[in-house]
Amino acid sequence: MEHMDSERVVAVRTAYEARPGKHAIVILDLADLRGPTTSVIELPLWLYWSSPSRTFDLDDPEKRRWLYQIVLREARAARDLTSYLDRETLIELWPQLHLPKGVRQAWEDLHPVLRRAAA
C-alpha cells in the first residue's frame, strides 16, 4: 500500500495487470479523486510518452476520455490518480472507457459503483 504524506490518500497495487509486468493501481476511496474537470492539462512524461504533445483539453469529451484511459492504465502512484482524475467524471465516463481487462476488474472489484455504472 502507498500512503501520500499530506492527505493520507491510499492506493493499492493490485494483482491485476494493466499490461504484462505492470500491475494496476487503484485508489481506495473515490472521494480522493478531485482532479480538474475543465481546462487544458499536461500529463507528465511517465504517464504519456506516445506523442510530442502531452496536453489534453478536458472540455473536449474525446480528449477527456482519452486522458482517463491513459491515467488509469499508466498510474504508478496514488498521486497520479488524485492529480488527474475526478470522482464524478470517472463514474460518468466508466462505461465508455476502453481499458485493459485487468484495470477494469481491479477498479470494479474495489468500487462496485463503477460496476453498476457499466451495467
PDB file of N, CA and C in Angstrom:
ATOM      1  N   MET A   1       0.836  -1.179   0.000  1.00  0.00           N
ATOM      2  CA  MET A   1       0.000   0.000   0.000  1.00  0.00           C
ATOM      3  C   MET A   1       0.875   1.235   0.000  1.00  0.00           C
ATOM      4  N   GLU A   2       0.364   2.261  -0.654  1.00  0.00           N
ATOM      5  CA  GLU A   2       1.108   3.510  -0.718  1.00  0.00           C
ATOM      6  C   GLU A   2       0.320   4.590  -0.015  1.00  0.00           C
ATOM      7  N   HIS A   3       0.982   5.368   0.795  1.00  0.00           N
ATOM      8  CA  HIS A   3       0.338   6.474   1.501  1.00  0.00           C
ATOM      9  C   HIS A   3       0.923   7.775   0.987  1.00  0.00           C
ATOM     10  N   MET A   4       0.052   8.747   0.690  1.00  0.00           N
ATOM     11  CA  MET A   4       0.538  10.081   0.363  1.00  0.00           C
ATOM     12  C   MET A   4       0.733  10.823   1.676  1.00  0.00           C
ATOM     13  N   ASP A   5       1.770  11.606   1.766  1.00  0.00           N
ATOM     14  CA  ASP A   5       2.140  12.269   3.008  1.00  0.00           C
ATOM     15  C   ASP A   5       1.049  13.160   3.579  1.00  0.00           C
ATOM     16  N   SER A   6       0.660  14.203   2.847  1.00  0.00           N
ATOM     17  CA  SER A   6      -0.191  15.225   3.431  1.00  0.00           C
ATOM     18  C   SER A   6      -1.653  14.813   3.553  1.00  0.00           C
ATOM     19  N   GLU A   7      -2.151  14.074   2.619  1.00  0.00           N
ATOM     20  CA  GLU A   7      -3.584  13.784   2.612  1.00  0.00           C
ATOM     21  C   GLU A   7      -3.930  12.380   3.102  1.00  0.00           C
ATOM     22  N   ARG A   8      -2.949  11.547   3.290  1.00  0.00           N
ATOM     23  CA  ARG A   8      -3.185  10.164   3.677  1.00  0.00           C
ATOM     24  C   ARG A   8      -4.081   9.445   2.671  1.00  0.00           C
ATOM     25  N   VAL A   9      -3.865   9.715   1.417  1.00  0.00           N
ATOM     26  CA  VAL A   9      -4.574   9.033   0.342  1.00  0.00           C
ATOM     27  C   VAL A   9      -3.923   7.667   0.169  1.00  0.00           C
ATOM     28  N   VAL A  10      -4.740   6.644   0.065  1.00  0.00           N
ATOM     29  CA  VAL A  10      -4.209   5.292  -0.050  1.00  0.00           C
ATOM     30  C   VAL A  10      -4.621   4.686  -1.395  1.00  0.00           C
ATOM     31  N   ALA A  11      -3.649   4.083  -2.031  1.00  0.00           N
ATOM     32  CA  ALA A  11      -3.885   3.326  -3.256  1.00  0.00           C
ATOM     33  C   ALA A  11      -3.234   1.962  -3.069  1.00  0.00           C
ATOM     34  N   VAL A  12      -3.758   0.975  -3.751  1.00  0.00           N
ATOM     35  CA  VAL A  12      -3.177  -0.362  -3.677  1.00  0.00           C
ATOM     36  C   VAL A  12      -2.736  -0.812  -5.056  1.00  0.00           C
ATOM     37  N   ARG A  13      -1.625  -1.521  -5.070  1.00  0.00           N
ATOM     38  CA  ARG A  13      -1.151  -2.153  -6.294  1.00  0.00           C
ATOM     39  C   ARG A  13      -1.835  -3.514  -6.311  1.00  0.00           C
ATOM     40  N   THR A  14      -2.667  -3.745  -7.287  1.00  0.00           N
ATOM     41  CA  THR A  14      -3.496  -4.948  -7.306  1.00  0.00           C
ATOM     42  C   THR A  14      -2.769  -6.118  -7.963  1.00  0.00           C
ATOM     43  N   ALA A  15      -3.384  -7.279  -7.872  1.00  0.00           N
ATOM     44  CA  ALA A  15      -2.852  -8.462  -8.542  1.00  0.00           C
ATOM     45  C   ALA A  15      -3.143  -8.425 -10.041  1.00  0.00           C
ATOM     46  N   TYR A  16      -4.068  -7.567 -10.440  1.00  0.00           N
ATOM     47  CA  TYR A  16      -4.442  -7.452 -11.855  1.00  0.00           C
ATOM     48  C   TYR A  16      -3.405  -6.640 -12.619  1.00  0.00           C
ATOM     49  N   GLU A  17      -3.161  -7.037 -13.852  1.00  0.00           N
ATOM     50  CA  GLU A  17      -2.173  -6.334 -14.651  1.00  0.00           C
ATOM     51  C   GLU A  17      -2.822  -5.345 -15.618  1.00  0.00           C
ATOM     52  N   ALA A  18      -2.209  -4.164 -15.704  1.00  0.00           N
ATOM     53  CA  ALA A  18      -2.614  -3.172 -16.692  1.00  0.00           C
ATOM     54  C   ALA A  18      -2.034  -3.579 -18.047  1.00  0.00           C
ATOM     55  N   ARG A  19      -0.858  -4.191 -17.997  1.00  0.00           N
ATOM     56  CA  ARG A  19      -0.192  -4.801 -19.153  1.00  0.00           C
ATOM     57  C   ARG A  19       0.835  -5.759 -18.558  1.00  0.00           C
ATOM     58  N   PRO A  20       1.404  -6.644 -19.342  1.00  0.00           N
ATOM     59  CA  PRO A  20       2.343  -7.606 -18.776  1.00  0.00           C
ATOM     60  C   PRO A  20       3.449  -6.932 -17.950  1.00  0.00           C
ATOM     61  N   GLY A  21       3.563  -7.349 -16.706  1.00  0.00           N
ATOM     62  CA  GLY A  21       4.590  -6.837 -15.818  1.00  0.00           C
ATOM     63  C   GLY A  21       4.250  -5.551 -15.088  1.00  0.00           C
ATOM     64  N   LYS A  22       3.091  -4.963 -15.362  1.00  0.00           N
ATOM     65  CA  LYS A  22       2.704  -3.716 -14.699  1.00  0.00           C
ATOM     66  C   LYS A  22       1.335  -3.895 -14.061  1.00  0.00           C
ATOM     67  N   HIS A  23       1.310  -3.859 -12.743  1.00  0.00           N
ATOM     68  CA  HIS A  23       0.069  -4.065 -12.011  1.00  0.00           C
ATOM     69  C   HIS A  23      -0.760  -2.796 -11.940  1.00  0.00           C
ATOM     70  N   ALA A  24      -2.070  -2.970 -12.009  1.00  0.00           N
ATOM     71  CA  ALA A  24      -2.992  -1.840 -11.903  1.00  0.00           C
ATOM     72  C   ALA A  24      -2.959  -1.273 -10.495  1.00  0.00           C
ATOM     73  N   ILE A  25      -3.059   0.042 -10.385  1.00  0.00           N
ATOM     74  CA  ILE A  25      -3.128   0.725  -9.097  1.00  0.00           C
ATOM     75  C   ILE A  25      -4.516   1.320  -8.959  1.00  0.00           C
ATOM     76  N   VAL A  26      -5.110   1.120  -7.797  1.00  0.00           N
ATOM     77  CA  VAL A  26      -6.471   1.600  -7.542  1.00  0.00           C
ATOM     78  C   VAL A  26      -6.487   2.409  -6.251  1.00  0.00           C
ATOM     79  N   ILE A  27      -7.141   3.539  -6.286  1.00  0.00           N
ATOM     80  CA  ILE A  27      -7.328   4.377  -5.103  1.00  0.00           C
ATOM     81  C   ILE A  27      -8.399   3.707  -4.238  1.00  0.00           C
ATOM     82  N   LEU A  28      -8.240   3.726  -2.928  1.00  0.00           N
ATOM     83  CA  LEU A  28      -9.208   3.050  -2.071  1.00  0.00           C
ATOM     84  C   LEU A  28     -10.506   3.834  -1.869  1.00  0.00           C
ATOM     85  N   ASP A  29     -10.421   5.152  -1.903  1.00  0.00           N
ATOM     86  CA  ASP A  29     -11.616   5.973  -1.685  1.00  0.00           C
ATOM     87  C   ASP A  29     -11.803   6.901  -2.878  1.00  0.00           C
ATOM     88  N   LEU A  30     -12.873   6.689  -3.642  1.00  0.00           N
ATOM     89  CA  LEU A  30     -13.121   7.510  -4.826  1.00  0.00           C
ATOM     90  C   LEU A  30     -13.241   8.998  -4.484  1.00  0.00           C
ATOM     91  N   ALA A  31     -13.608   9.313  -3.261  1.00  0.00           N
ATOM     92  CA  ALA A  31     -13.721  10.725  -2.853  1.00  0.00           C
ATOM     93  C   ALA A  31     -12.372  11.438  -2.915  1.00  0.00           C
ATOM     94  N   ASP A  32     -11.277  10.685  -2.920  1.00  0.00           N
ATOM     95  CA  ASP A  32      -9.954  11.293  -3.035  1.00  0.00           C
ATOM     96  C   ASP A  32      -9.646  11.768  -4.450  1.00  0.00           C
ATOM     97  N   LEU A  33     -10.470  11.379  -5.408  1.00  0.00           N
ATOM     98  CA  LEU A  33     -10.268  11.808  -6.794  1.00  0.00           C
ATOM     99  C   LEU A  33     -10.922  13.175  -6.972  1.00  0.00           C
ATOM    100  N   ARG A  34     -10.094  14.204  -6.900  1.00  0.00           N
ATOM    101  CA  ARG A  34     -10.592  15.585  -7.009  1.00  0.00           C
ATOM    102  C   ARG A  34      -9.770  16.363  -8.025  1.00  0.00           C
ATOM    103  N   GLY A  35      -9.416  15.701  -9.117  1.00  0.00           N
ATOM    104  CA  GLY A  35      -8.623  16.352 -10.160  1.00  0.00           C
ATOM    105  C   GLY A  35      -9.453  17.347 -10.936  1.00  0.00           C
ATOM    106  N   PRO A  36      -8.834  18.037 -11.882  1.00  0.00           N
ATOM    107  CA  PRO A  36      -9.532  19.064 -12.660  1.00  0.00           C
ATOM    108  C   PRO A  36     -10.648  18.467 -13.521  1.00  0.00           C
ATOM    109  N   THR A  37     -11.668  19.268 -13.758  1.00  0.00           N
ATOM    110  CA  THR A  37     -12.784  18.829 -14.610  1.00  0.00           C
ATOM    111  C   THR A  37     -12.903  19.680 -15.869  1.00  0.00           C
ATOM    112  N   THR A  38     -12.205  20.804 -15.920  1.00  0.00           N
ATOM    113  CA  THR A  38     -12.178  21.656 -17.109  1.00  0.00           C
ATOM    114  C   THR A  38     -10.753  22.147 -17.302  1.00  0.00           C
ATOM    115  N   SER A  39     -10.501  22.774 -18.395  1.00  0.00           N
ATOM    116  CA  SER A  39      -9.226  23.397 -18.766  1.00  0.00           C
ATOM    117  C   SER A  39      -8.330  22.423 -19.532  1.00  0.00           C
ATOM    118  N   VAL A  40      -7.175  22.910 -19.884  1.00  0.00           N
ATOM    119  CA  VAL A  40      -6.176  22.110 -20.594  1.00  0.00           C
ATOM    120  C   VAL A  40      -5.115  21.719 -19.574  1.00  0.00           C
ATOM    121  N   ILE A  41      -4.789  20.437 -19.547  1.00  0.00           N
ATOM    122  CA  ILE A  41      -3.749  19.970 -18.634  1.00  0.00           C
ATOM    123  C   ILE A  41      -2.706  19.186 -19.419  1.00  0.00           C
ATOM    124  N   GLU A  42      -1.532  19.108 -18.848  1.00  0.00           N
ATOM    125  CA  GLU A  42      -0.435  18.371 -19.472  1.00  0.00           C
ATOM    126  C   GLU A  42      -0.048  17.205 -18.580  1.00  0.00           C
ATOM    127  N   LEU A  43      -0.026  16.021 -19.161  1.00  0.00           N
ATOM    128  CA  LEU A  43       0.397  14.835 -18.407  1.00  0.00           C
ATOM    129  C   LEU A  43       1.916  14.765 -18.377  1.00  0.00           C
ATOM    130  N   PRO A  44       2.475  14.270 -17.287  1.00  0.00           N
ATOM    131  CA  PRO A  44       3.931  14.088 -17.233  1.00  0.00           C
ATOM    132  C   PRO A  44       4.362  12.957 -18.163  1.00  0.00           C
ATOM    133  N   LEU A  45       5.613  13.006 -18.525  1.00  0.00           N
ATOM    134  CA  LEU A  45       6.171  12.032 -19.464  1.00  0.00           C
ATOM    135  C   LEU A  45       5.990  10.587 -18.993  1.00  0.00           C
ATOM    136  N   TRP A  46       6.075  10.325 -17.674  1.00  0.00           N
ATOM    137  CA  TRP A  46       5.947   8.937 -17.197  1.00  0.00           C
ATOM    138  C   TRP A  46       4.532   8.386 -17.385  1.00  0.00           C
ATOM    139  N   LEU A  47       3.544   9.273 -17.570  1.00  0.00           N
ATOM    140  CA  LEU A  47       2.186   8.790 -17.829  1.00  0.00           C
ATOM    141  C   LEU A  47       1.881   8.713 -19.327  1.00  0.00           C
ATOM    142  N   TYR A  48       2.456   9.648 -20.095  1.00  0.00           N
ATOM    143  CA  TYR A  48       2.136   9.678 -21.528  1.00  0.00           C
ATOM    144  C   TYR A  48       3.365  10.075 -22.317  1.00  0.00           C
ATOM    145  N   TRP A  49       3.916   9.134 -23.023  1.00  0.00           N
ATOM    146  CA  TRP A  49       5.150   9.344 -23.771  1.00  0.00           C
ATOM    147  C   TRP A  49       4.964   9.116 -25.263  1.00  0.00           C
ATOM    148  N   SER A  50       3.738   8.836 -25.706  1.00  0.00           N
ATOM    149  CA  SER A  50       3.491   8.411 -27.081  1.00  0.00           C
ATOM    150  C   SER A  50       3.338   9.540 -28.093  1.00  0.00           C
ATOM    151  N   SER A  51       3.375  10.776 -27.651  1.00  0.00           N
ATOM    152  CA  SER A  51       3.149  11.884 -28.562  1.00  0.00           C
ATOM    153  C   SER A  51       3.974  13.080 -28.087  1.00  0.00           C
ATOM    154  N   PRO A  52       4.433  13.909 -29.038  1.00  0.00           N
ATOM    155  CA  PRO A  52       5.161  15.108 -28.621  1.00  0.00           C
ATOM    156  C   PRO A  52       4.284  16.042 -27.768  1.00  0.00           C
ATOM    157  N   SER A  53       2.990  16.050 -28.040  1.00  0.00           N
ATOM    158  CA  SER A  53       2.078  16.878 -27.240  1.00  0.00           C
ATOM    159  C   SER A  53       1.422  16.009 -26.175  1.00  0.00           C
ATOM    160  N   ARG A  54       1.608  16.418 -24.921  1.00  0.00           N
ATOM    161  CA  ARG A  54       1.024  15.662 -23.806  1.00  0.00           C
ATOM    162  C   ARG A  54      -0.122  16.449 -23.179  1.00  0.00           C
ATOM    163  N   THR A  55      -0.685  17.408 -23.931  1.00  0.00           N
ATOM    164  CA  THR A  55      -1.772  18.229 -23.398  1.00  0.00           C
ATOM    165  C   THR A  55      -3.126  17.661 -23.796  1.00  0.00           C
ATOM    166  N   PHE A  56      -4.087  17.834 -22.892  1.00  0.00           N
ATOM    167  CA  PHE A  56      -5.444  17.335 -23.089  1.00  0.00           C
ATOM    168  C   PHE A  56      -6.426  18.418 -22.666  1.00  0.00           C
ATOM    169  N   ASP A  57      -7.378  18.717 -23.538  1.00  0.00           N
ATOM    170  CA  ASP A  57      -8.432  19.686 -23.231  1.00  0.00           C
ATOM    171  C   ASP A  57      -9.590  18.923 -22.595  1.00  0.00           C
ATOM    172  N   LEU A  58      -9.794  19.117 -21.309  1.00  0.00           N
ATOM    173  CA  LEU A  58     -10.844  18.390 -20.595  1.00  0.00           C
ATOM    174  C   LEU A  58     -12.245  18.819 -21.005  1.00  0.00           C
ATOM    175  N   ASP A  59     -12.348  19.923 -21.733  1.00  0.00           N
ATOM    176  CA  ASP A  59     -13.653  20.355 -22.231  1.00  0.00           C
ATOM    177  C   ASP A  59     -14.045  19.608 -23.502  1.00  0.00           C
ATOM    178  N   ASP A  60     -13.123  18.862 -24.088  1.00  0.00           N
ATOM    179  CA  ASP A  60     -13.379  18.039 -25.272  1.00  0.00           C
ATOM    180  C   ASP A  60     -13.647  16.612 -24.785  1.00  0.00           C
ATOM    181  N   PRO A  61     -14.879  16.114 -24.960  1.00  0.00           N
ATOM    182  CA  PRO A  61     -15.230  14.777 -24.420  1.00  0.00           C
ATOM    183  C   PRO A  61     -14.280  13.660 -24.857  1.00  0.00           C
ATOM    184  N   GLU A  62     -13.837  13.676 -26.103  1.00  0.00           N
ATOM    185  CA  GLU A  62     -12.939  12.622 -26.588  1.00  0.00           C
ATOM    186  C   GLU A  62     -11.576  12.705 -25.909  1.00  0.00           C
ATOM    187  N   LYS A  63     -11.047  13.910 -25.761  1.00  0.00           N
ATOM    188  CA  LYS A  63      -9.744  14.087 -25.101  1.00  0.00           C
ATOM    189  C   LYS A  63      -9.835  13.737 -23.615  1.00  0.00           C
ATOM    190  N   ARG A  64     -10.951  14.087 -22.994  1.00  0.00           N
ATOM    191  CA  ARG A  64     -11.151  13.763 -21.568  1.00  0.00           C
ATOM    192  C   ARG A  64     -11.175  12.248 -21.383  1.00  0.00           C
ATOM    193  N   ARG A  65     -11.893  11.537 -22.236  1.00  0.00           N
ATOM    194  CA  ARG A  65     -11.962  10.073 -22.164  1.00  0.00           C
ATOM    195  C   ARG A  65     -10.568   9.464 -22.382  1.00  0.00           C
ATOM    196  N   TRP A  66      -9.843   9.995 -23.335  1.00  0.00           N
ATOM    197  CA  TRP A  66      -8.503   9.506 -23.643  1.00  0.00           C
ATOM    198  C   TRP A  66      -7.580   9.695 -22.439  1.00  0.00           C
ATOM    199  N   LEU A  67      -7.624  10.873 -21.810  1.00  0.00           N
ATOM    200  CA  LEU A  67      -6.806  11.136 -20.629  1.00  0.00           C
ATOM    201  C   LEU A  67      -7.121  10.139 -19.512  1.00  0.00           C
ATOM    202  N   TYR A  68      -8.391   9.885 -19.253  1.00  0.00           N
ATOM    203  CA  TYR A  68      -8.774   8.957 -18.184  1.00  0.00           C
ATOM    204  C   TYR A  68      -8.259   7.552 -18.478  1.00  0.00           C
ATOM    205  N   GLN A  69      -8.346   7.120 -19.716  1.00  0.00           N
ATOM    206  CA  GLN A  69      -7.847   5.792 -20.080  1.00  0.00           C
ATOM    207  C   GLN A  69      -6.336   5.702 -19.837  1.00  0.00           C
ATOM    208  N   ILE A  70      -5.611   6.737 -20.230  1.00  0.00           N
ATOM    209  CA  ILE A  70      -4.156   6.749 -20.050  1.00  0.00           C
ATOM    210  C   ILE A  70      -3.795   6.711 -18.567  1.00  0.00           C
ATOM    211  N   VAL A  71      -4.399   7.587 -17.776  1.00  0.00           N
ATOM    212  CA  VAL A  71      -4.051   7.662 -16.354  1.00  0.00           C
ATOM    213  C   VAL A  71      -4.402   6.362 -15.639  1.00  0.00           C
ATOM    214  N   LEU A  72      -5.564   5.803 -15.902  1.00  0.00           N
ATOM    215  CA  LEU A  72      -5.960   4.551 -15.251  1.00  0.00           C
ATOM    216  C   LEU A  72      -5.007   3.410 -15.616  1.00  0.00           C
ATOM    217  N   ARG A  73      -4.544   3.398 -16.839  1.00  0.00           N
ATOM    218  CA  ARG A  73      -3.656   2.334 -17.308  1.00  0.00           C
ATOM    219  C   ARG A  73      -2.216   2.529 -16.829  1.00  0.00           C
ATOM    220  N   GLU A  74      -1.733   3.771 -16.777  1.00  0.00           N
ATOM    221  CA  GLU A  74      -0.316   4.023 -16.549  1.00  0.00           C
ATOM    222  C   GLU A  74       0.048   4.483 -15.141  1.00  0.00           C
ATOM    223  N   ALA A  75      -0.925   4.769 -14.284  1.00  0.00           N
ATOM    224  CA  ALA A  75      -0.634   5.296 -12.941  1.00  0.00           C
ATOM    225  C   ALA A  75       0.357   4.403 -12.207  1.00  0.00           C
ATOM    226  N   ARG A  76       1.325   5.072 -11.543  1.00  0.00           N
ATOM    227  CA  ARG A  76       2.311   4.351 -10.737  1.00  0.00           C
ATOM    228  C   ARG A  76       2.163   4.659  -9.261  1.00  0.00           C
ATOM    229  N   ALA A  77       1.387   5.694  -8.948  1.00  0.00           N
ATOM    230  CA  ALA A  77       1.259   6.137  -7.559  1.00  0.00           C
ATOM    231  C   ALA A  77      -0.109   6.775  -7.352  1.00  0.00           C
ATOM    232  N   ALA A  78      -0.518   6.850  -6.092  1.00  0.00           N
ATOM    233  CA  ALA A  78      -1.802   7.483  -5.761  1.00  0.00           C
ATOM    234  C   ALA A  78      -1.867   8.894  -6.326  1.00  0.00           C
ATOM    235  N   ARG A  79      -0.763   9.612  -6.253  1.00  0.00           N
ATOM    236  CA  ARG A  79      -0.723  10.992  -6.742  1.00  0.00           C
ATOM    237  C   ARG A  79      -1.095  11.084  -8.229  1.00  0.00           C
ATOM    238  N   ASP A  80      -0.714  10.088  -9.024  1.00  0.00           N
ATOM    239  CA  ASP A  80      -1.084  10.094 -10.446  1.00  0.00           C
ATOM    240  C   ASP A  80      -2.607  10.085 -10.598  1.00  0.00           C
ATOM    241  N   LEU A  81      -3.262   9.326  -9.754  1.00  0.00           N
ATOM    242  CA  LEU A  81      -4.726   9.220  -9.821  1.00  0.00           C
ATOM    243  C   LEU A  81      -5.404  10.473  -9.276  1.00  0.00           C
ATOM    244  N   THR A  82      -4.947  10.944  -8.132  1.00  0.00           N
ATOM    245  CA  THR A  82      -5.609  12.091  -7.496  1.00  0.00           C
ATOM    246  C   THR A  82      -5.338  13.402  -8.236  1.00  0.00           C
ATOM    247  N   SER A  83      -4.254  13.491  -8.949  1.00  0.00           N
ATOM    248  CA  SER A  83      -3.916  14.730  -9.659  1.00  0.00           C
ATOM    249  C   SER A  83      -4.717  14.931 -10.934  1.00  0.00           C
ATOM    250  N   TYR A  84      -5.161  13.839 -11.552  1.00  0.00           N
ATOM    251  CA  TYR A  84      -5.768  13.959 -12.885  1.00  0.00           C
ATOM    252  C   TYR A  84      -7.194  13.445 -12.990  1.00  0.00           C
ATOM    253  N   LEU A  85      -7.661  12.684 -12.023  1.00  0.00           N
ATOM    254  CA  LEU A  85      -8.998  12.100 -12.113  1.00  0.00           C
ATOM    255  C   LEU A  85      -9.953  12.752 -11.117  1.00  0.00           C
ATOM    256  N   ASP A  86     -11.203  12.828 -11.513  1.00  0.00           N
ATOM    257  CA  ASP A  86     -12.280  13.358 -10.679  1.00  0.00           C
ATOM    258  C   ASP A  86     -13.317  12.257 -10.484  1.00  0.00           C
ATOM    259  N   ARG A  87     -13.797  12.092  -9.273  1.00  0.00           N
ATOM    260  CA  ARG A  87     -14.731  11.014  -8.932  1.00  0.00           C
ATOM    261  C   ARG A  87     -15.962  10.998  -9.832  1.00  0.00           C
ATOM    262  N   GLU A  88     -16.681  12.097  -9.898  1.00  0.00           N
ATOM    263  CA  GLU A  88     -17.928  12.127 -10.670  1.00  0.00           C
ATOM    264  C   GLU A  88     -17.673  11.905 -12.156  1.00  0.00           C
ATOM    265  N   THR A  89     -16.593  12.480 -12.657  1.00  0.00           N
ATOM    266  CA  THR A  89     -16.258  12.296 -14.074  1.00  0.00           C
ATOM    267  C   THR A  89     -15.903  10.844 -14.348  1.00  0.00           C
ATOM    268  N   LEU A  90     -15.159  10.215 -13.443  1.00  0.00           N
ATOM    269  CA  LEU A  90     -14.801   8.807 -13.613  1.00  0.00           C
ATOM    270  C   LEU A  90     -16.053   7.937 -13.688  1.00  0.00           C
ATOM    271  N   ILE A  91     -16.981   8.144 -12.778  1.00  0.00           N
ATOM    272  CA  ILE A  91     -18.214   7.337 -12.770  1.00  0.00           C
ATOM    273  C   ILE A  91     -18.993   7.561 -14.064  1.00  0.00           C
ATOM    274  N   GLU A  92     -19.077   8.802 -14.497  1.00  0.00           N
ATOM    275  CA  GLU A  92     -19.811   9.121 -15.730  1.00  0.00           C
ATOM    276  C   GLU A  92     -19.156   8.495 -16.959  1.00  0.00           C
ATOM    277  N   LEU A  93     -17.832   8.547 -17.019  1.00  0.00           N
ATOM    278  CA  LEU A  93     -17.114   8.030 -18.191  1.00  0.00           C
ATOM    279  C   LEU A  93     -16.920   6.519 -18.171  1.00  0.00           C
ATOM    280  N   TRP A  94     -17.014   5.902 -17.017  1.00  0.00           N
ATOM    281  CA  TRP A  94     -16.641   4.489 -16.857  1.00  0.00           C
ATOM    282  C   TRP A  94     -17.188   3.568 -17.946  1.00  0.00           C
ATOM    283  N   PRO A  95     -18.483   3.636 -18.290  1.00  0.00           N
ATOM    284  CA  PRO A  95     -18.987   2.713 -19.315  1.00  0.00           C
ATOM    285  C   PRO A  95     -18.358   2.926 -20.693  1.00  0.00           C
ATOM    286  N   GLN A  96     -17.814   4.104 -20.949  1.00  0.00           N
ATOM    287  CA  GLN A  96     -17.264   4.434 -22.269  1.00  0.00           C
ATOM    288  C   GLN A  96     -15.764   4.196 -22.376  1.00  0.00           C
ATOM    289  N   LEU A  97     -15.119   3.916 -21.260  1.00  0.00           N
ATOM    290  CA  LEU A  97     -13.665   3.791 -21.267  1.00  0.00           C
ATOM    291  C   LEU A  97     -13.215   2.448 -21.827  1.00  0.00           C
ATOM    292  N   HIS A  98     -12.215   2.500 -22.693  1.00  0.00           N
ATOM    293  CA  HIS A  98     -11.593   1.282 -23.235  1.00  0.00           C
ATOM    294  C   HIS A  98     -10.349   1.021 -22.399  1.00  0.00           C
ATOM    295  N   LEU A  99     -10.453   0.037 -21.523  1.00  0.00           N
ATOM    296  CA  LEU A  99      -9.385  -0.259 -20.569  1.00  0.00           C
ATOM    297  C   LEU A  99      -8.957  -1.708 -20.674  1.00  0.00           C
ATOM    298  N   PRO A 100      -7.704  -1.999 -20.329  1.00  0.00           N
ATOM    299  CA  PRO A 100      -7.302  -3.400 -20.229  1.00  0.00           C
ATOM    300  C   PRO A 100      -8.209  -4.114 -19.215  1.00  0.00           C
ATOM    301  N   LYS A 101      -8.474  -5.374 -19.481  1.00  0.00           N
ATOM    302  CA  LYS A 101      -9.365  -6.147 -18.612  1.00  0.00           C
ATOM    303  C   LYS A 101      -8.937  -6.094 -17.146  1.00  0.00           C
ATOM    304  N   GLY A 102      -7.632  -6.177 -16.889  1.00  0.00           N
ATOM    305  CA  GLY A 102      -7.137  -6.159 -15.518  1.00  0.00           C
ATOM    306  C   GLY A 102      -7.406  -4.838 -14.812  1.00  0.00           C
ATOM    307  N   VAL A 103      -7.292  -3.733 -15.522  1.00  0.00           N
ATOM    308  CA  VAL A 103      -7.557  -2.419 -14.934  1.00  0.00           C
ATOM    309  C   VAL A 103      -9.037  -2.312 -14.584  1.00  0.00           C
ATOM    310  N   ARG A 104      -9.886  -2.679 -15.528  1.00  0.00           N
ATOM    311  CA  ARG A 104     -11.331  -2.600 -15.283  1.00  0.00           C
ATOM    312  C   ARG A 104     -11.722  -3.491 -14.098  1.00  0.00           C
ATOM    313  N   GLN A 105     -11.215  -4.707 -14.066  1.00  0.00           N
ATOM    314  CA  GLN A 105     -11.557  -5.646 -12.991  1.00  0.00           C
ATOM    315  C   GLN A 105     -11.080  -5.129 -11.633  1.00  0.00           C
ATOM    316  N   ALA A 106      -9.864  -4.607 -11.582  1.00  0.00           N
ATOM    317  CA  ALA A 106      -9.310  -4.104 -10.322  1.00  0.00           C
ATOM    318  C   ALA A 106     -10.163  -2.967  -9.768  1.00  0.00           C
ATOM    319  N   TRP A 107     -10.527  -2.020 -10.611  1.00  0.00           N
ATOM    320  CA  TRP A 107     -11.326  -0.880 -10.156  1.00  0.00           C
ATOM    321  C   TRP A 107     -12.737  -1.307  -9.772  1.00  0.00           C
ATOM    322  N   GLU A 108     -13.353  -2.189 -10.554  1.00  0.00           N
ATOM    323  CA  GLU A 108     -14.724  -2.617 -10.240  1.00  0.00           C
ATOM    324  C   GLU A 108     -14.776  -3.486  -8.995  1.00  0.00           C
ATOM    325  N   ASP A 109     -13.727  -4.268  -8.731  1.00  0.00           N
ATOM    326  CA  ASP A 109     -13.699  -5.087  -7.516  1.00  0.00           C
ATOM    327  C   ASP A 109     -13.711  -4.209  -6.264  1.00  0.00           C
ATOM    328  N   LEU A 110     -12.964  -3.109  -6.296  1.00  0.00           N
ATOM    329  CA  LEU A 110     -12.882  -2.231  -5.127  1.00  0.00           C
ATOM    330  C   LEU A 110     -13.996  -1.184  -5.073  1.00  0.00           C
ATOM    331  N   HIS A 111     -14.610  -0.920  -6.221  1.00  0.00           N
ATOM    332  CA  HIS A 111     -15.620   0.145  -6.294  1.00  0.00           C
ATOM    333  C   HIS A 111     -16.852  -0.346  -7.053  1.00  0.00           C
ATOM    334  N   PRO A 112     -17.784  -0.997  -6.353  1.00  0.00           N
ATOM    335  CA  PRO A 112     -18.992  -1.517  -7.003  1.00  0.00           C
ATOM    336  C   PRO A 112     -19.789  -0.446  -7.756  1.00  0.00           C
ATOM    337  N   VAL A 113     -19.668   0.816  -7.358  1.00  0.00           N
ATOM    338  CA  VAL A 113     -20.381   1.885  -8.074  1.00  0.00           C
ATOM    339  C   VAL A 113     -19.946   1.926  -9.538  1.00  0.00           C
ATOM    340  N   LEU A 114     -18.729   1.568  -9.827  1.00  0.00           N
ATOM    341  CA  LEU A 114     -18.253   1.540 -11.223  1.00  0.00           C
ATOM    342  C   LEU A 114     -18.846   0.339 -11.961  1.00  0.00           C
ATOM    343  N   ARG A 115     -18.932  -0.780 -11.275  1.00  0.00           N
ATOM    344  CA  ARG A 115     -19.560  -1.960 -11.887  1.00  0.00           C
ATOM    345  C   ARG A 115     -21.014  -1.642 -12.248  1.00  0.00           C
ATOM    346  N   ARG A 116     -21.715  -0.980 -11.315  1.00  0.00           N
ATOM    347  CA  ARG A 116     -23.114  -0.599 -11.572  1.00  0.00           C
ATOM    348  C   ARG A 116     -23.210   0.400 -12.717  1.00  0.00           C
ATOM    349  N   ALA A 117     -22.268   1.323 -12.810  1.00  0.00           N
ATOM    350  CA  ALA A 117     -22.278   2.319 -13.899  1.00  0.00           C
ATOM    351  C   ALA A 117     -22.096   1.638 -15.242  1.00  0.00           C
ATOM    352  N   ALA A 118     -21.314   0.560 -15.271  1.00  0.00           N
ATOM    353  CA  ALA A 118     -21.052  -0.136 -16.525  1.00  0.00           C
ATOM    354  C   ALA A 118     -22.209  -1.031 -16.945  1.00  0.00           C
ATOM    355  N   ALA A 119     -23.059  -1.400 -15.988  1.00  0.00           N
ATOM    356  CA  ALA A 119     -24.150  -2.344 -16.296  1.00  0.00           C
ATOM    357  C   ALA A 119     -25.257  -1.691 -17.125  1.00  0.00           C
TER     358      ALA A 119
END
